[in-house]
Amino acid sequence: MAASLKDDERLLAFHALQEWLKLAAWLGGVAM
């Protein structure tokens, strides 16, 4: 149970990071 919870948190963090990267890439495109 604890292991699966940790995996879920890692997956959420990974998705959040992807969203930030997409946002940063979009902002970079707008700035250029």
PDB file of N, CA and C in Angstrom:
ATOM      1  N   MET A   1       0.839  -1.203   0.000  1.00  0.00           N
ATOM      2  CA  MET A   1       0.000   0.000   0.000  1.00  0.00           C
ATOM      3  C   MET A   1       0.873   1.253   0.000  1.00  0.00           C
ATOM      4  N   ALA A   2       1.817   1.306   0.917  1.00  0.00           N
ATOM      5  CA  ALA A   2       2.701   2.475   1.006  1.00  0.00           C
ATOM      6  C   ALA A   2       3.513   2.629  -0.285  1.00  0.00           C
ATOM      7  N   ALA A   3       3.937   1.494  -0.839  1.00  0.00           N
ATOM      8  CA  ALA A   3       4.746   1.542  -2.060  1.00  0.00           C
ATOM      9  C   ALA A   3       3.915   2.099  -3.220  1.00  0.00           C
ATOM     10  N   SER A   4       2.655   1.650  -3.314  1.00  0.00           N
ATOM     11  CA  SER A   4       1.804   2.128  -4.412  1.00  0.00           C
ATOM     12  C   SER A   4       1.506   3.612  -4.241  1.00  0.00           C
ATOM     13  N   LEU A   5       1.365   4.051  -2.991  1.00  0.00           N
ATOM     14  CA  LEU A   5       1.103   5.472  -2.736  1.00  0.00           C
ATOM     15  C   LEU A   5       2.298   6.302  -3.186  1.00  0.00           C
ATOM     16  N   LYS A   6       3.499   5.800  -2.894  1.00  0.00           N
ATOM     17  CA  LYS A   6       4.719   6.515  -3.300  1.00  0.00           C
ATOM     18  C   LYS A   6       4.795   6.560  -4.829  1.00  0.00           C
ATOM     19  N   ASP A   7       4.416   5.466  -5.480  1.00  0.00           N
ATOM     20  CA  ASP A   7       4.425   5.432  -6.949  1.00  0.00           C
ATOM     21  C   ASP A   7       3.432   6.453  -7.505  1.00  0.00           C
ATOM     22  N   ASP A   8       2.259   6.552  -6.872  1.00  0.00           N
ATOM     23  CA  ASP A   8       1.254   7.515  -7.324  1.00  0.00           C
ATOM     24  C   ASP A   8       1.790   8.933  -7.204  1.00  0.00           C
ATOM     25  N   GLU A   9       2.462   9.225  -6.095  1.00  0.00           N
ATOM     26  CA  GLU A   9       3.015  10.568  -5.890  1.00  0.00           C
ATOM     27  C   GLU A   9       4.069  10.869  -6.949  1.00  0.00           C
ATOM     28  N   ARG A  10       4.903   9.861  -7.255  1.00  0.00           N
ATOM     29  CA  ARG A  10       5.949  10.051  -8.265  1.00  0.00           C
ATOM     30  C   ARG A  10       5.303  10.318  -9.628  1.00  0.00           C
ATOM     31  N   LEU A  11       4.232   9.584  -9.927  1.00  0.00           N
ATOM     32  CA  LEU A  11       3.537   9.749 -11.205  1.00  0.00           C
ATOM     33  C   LEU A  11       2.917  11.144 -11.282  1.00  0.00           C
ATOM     34  N   LEU A  12       2.307  11.601 -10.177  1.00  0.00           N
ATOM     35  CA  LEU A  12       1.712  12.941 -10.148  1.00  0.00           C
ATOM     36  C   LEU A  12       2.782  13.999 -10.347  1.00  0.00           C
ATOM     37  N   ALA A  13       3.921  13.823  -9.690  1.00  0.00           N
ATOM     38  CA  ALA A  13       5.014  14.794  -9.813  1.00  0.00           C
ATOM     39  C   ALA A  13       5.519  14.814 -11.251  1.00  0.00           C
ATOM     40  N   PHE A  14       5.591  13.633 -11.877  1.00  0.00           N
ATOM     41  CA  PHE A  14       6.061  13.538 -13.261  1.00  0.00           C
ATOM     42  C   PHE A  14       5.111  14.279 -14.199  1.00  0.00           C
ATOM     43  N   HIS A  15       3.797  14.079 -13.998  1.00  0.00           N
ATOM     44  CA  HIS A  15       2.817  14.759 -14.843  1.00  0.00           C
ATOM     45  C   HIS A  15       2.861  16.267 -14.623  1.00  0.00           C
ATOM     46  N   ALA A  16       3.037  16.687 -13.371  1.00  0.00           N
ATOM     47  CA  ALA A  16       3.116  18.120 -13.066  1.00  0.00           C
ATOM     48  C   ALA A  16       4.332  18.719 -13.770  1.00  0.00           C
ATOM     49  N   LEU A  17       5.449  17.972 -13.751  1.00  0.00           N
ATOM     50  CA  LEU A  17       6.669  18.450 -14.408  1.00  0.00           C
ATOM     51  C   LEU A  17       6.431  18.590 -15.909  1.00  0.00           C
ATOM     52  N   GLN A  18       5.743  17.612 -16.503  1.00  0.00           N
ATOM     53  CA  GLN A  18       5.446  17.681 -17.938  1.00  0.00           C
ATOM     54  C   GLN A  18       4.610  18.916 -18.260  1.00  0.00           C
ATOM     55  N   GLU A  19       3.613  19.216 -17.397  1.00  0.00           N
ATOM     56  CA  GLU A  19       2.763  20.388 -17.619  1.00  0.00           C
ATOM     57  C   GLU A  19       3.589  21.662 -17.557  1.00  0.00           C
ATOM     58  N   TRP A  20       4.525  21.728 -16.580  1.00  0.00           N
ATOM     59  CA  TRP A  20       5.385  22.916 -16.453  1.00  0.00           C
ATOM     60  C   TRP A  20       6.277  23.062 -17.681  1.00  0.00           C
ATOM     61  N   LEU A  21       6.793  21.938 -18.189  1.00  0.00           N
ATOM     62  CA  LEU A  21       7.659  21.991 -19.370  1.00  0.00           C
ATOM     63  C   LEU A  21       6.872  22.464 -20.592  1.00  0.00           C
ATOM     64  N   LYS A  22       5.629  21.983 -20.718  1.00  0.00           N
ATOM     65  CA  LYS A  22       4.795  22.416 -21.841  1.00  0.00           C
ATOM     66  C   LYS A  22       4.513  23.908 -21.739  1.00  0.00           C
ATOM     67  N   LEU A  23       4.208  24.370 -20.517  1.00  0.00           N
ATOM     68  CA  LEU A  23       3.926  25.788 -20.303  1.00  0.00           C
ATOM     69  C   LEU A  23       5.161  26.630 -20.610  1.00  0.00           C
ATOM     70  N   ALA A  24       6.324  26.172 -20.147  1.00  0.00           N
ATOM     71  CA  ALA A  24       7.574  26.907 -20.385  1.00  0.00           C
ATOM     72  C   ALA A  24       7.879  26.949 -21.888  1.00  0.00           C
ATOM     73  N   ALA A  25       7.653  25.846 -22.581  1.00  0.00           N
ATOM     74  CA  ALA A  25       7.912  25.796 -24.021  1.00  0.00           C
ATOM     75  C   ALA A  25       6.955  26.738 -24.753  1.00  0.00           C
ATOM     76  N   TRP A  26       5.696  26.775 -24.318  1.00  0.00           N
ATOM     77  CA  TRP A  26       4.711  27.660 -24.950  1.00  0.00           C
ATOM     78  C   TRP A  26       5.085  29.119 -24.708  1.00  0.00           C
ATOM     79  N   LEU A  27       5.451  29.445 -23.467  1.00  0.00           N
ATOM     80  CA  LEU A  27       5.850  30.820 -23.148  1.00  0.00           C
ATOM     81  C   LEU A  27       7.092  31.205 -23.939  1.00  0.00           C
ATOM     82  N   GLY A  28       8.032  30.263 -24.084  1.00  0.00           N
ATOM     83  CA  GLY A  28       9.243  30.531 -24.856  1.00  0.00           C
ATOM     84  C   GLY A  28       8.897  30.818 -26.309  1.00  0.00           C
ATOM     85  N   GLY A  29       7.938  30.075 -26.853  1.00  0.00           N
ATOM     86  CA  GLY A  29       7.525  30.285 -28.235  1.00  0.00           C
ATOM     87  C   GLY A  29       6.871  31.650 -28.400  1.00  0.00           C
ATOM     88  N   VAL A  30       6.078  32.056 -27.412  1.00  0.00           N
ATOM     89  CA  VAL A  30       5.408  33.358 -27.474  1.00  0.00           C
ATOM     90  C   VAL A  30       6.440  34.481 -27.364  1.00  0.00           C
ATOM     91  N   ALA A  31       7.425  34.294 -26.488  1.00  0.00           N
ATOM     92  CA  ALA A  31       8.452  35.324 -26.287  1.00  0.00           C
ATOM     93  C   ALA A  31       9.262  35.528 -27.564  1.00  0.00           C
ATOM     94  N   MET A  32       9.458  34.438 -28.331  1.00  0.00           N
ATOM     95  CA  MET A  32      10.238  34.543 -29.554  1.00  0.00           C
ATOM     96  C   MET A  32       9.329  35.026 -30.689  1.00  0.00           C
TER      97      MET A  32
END
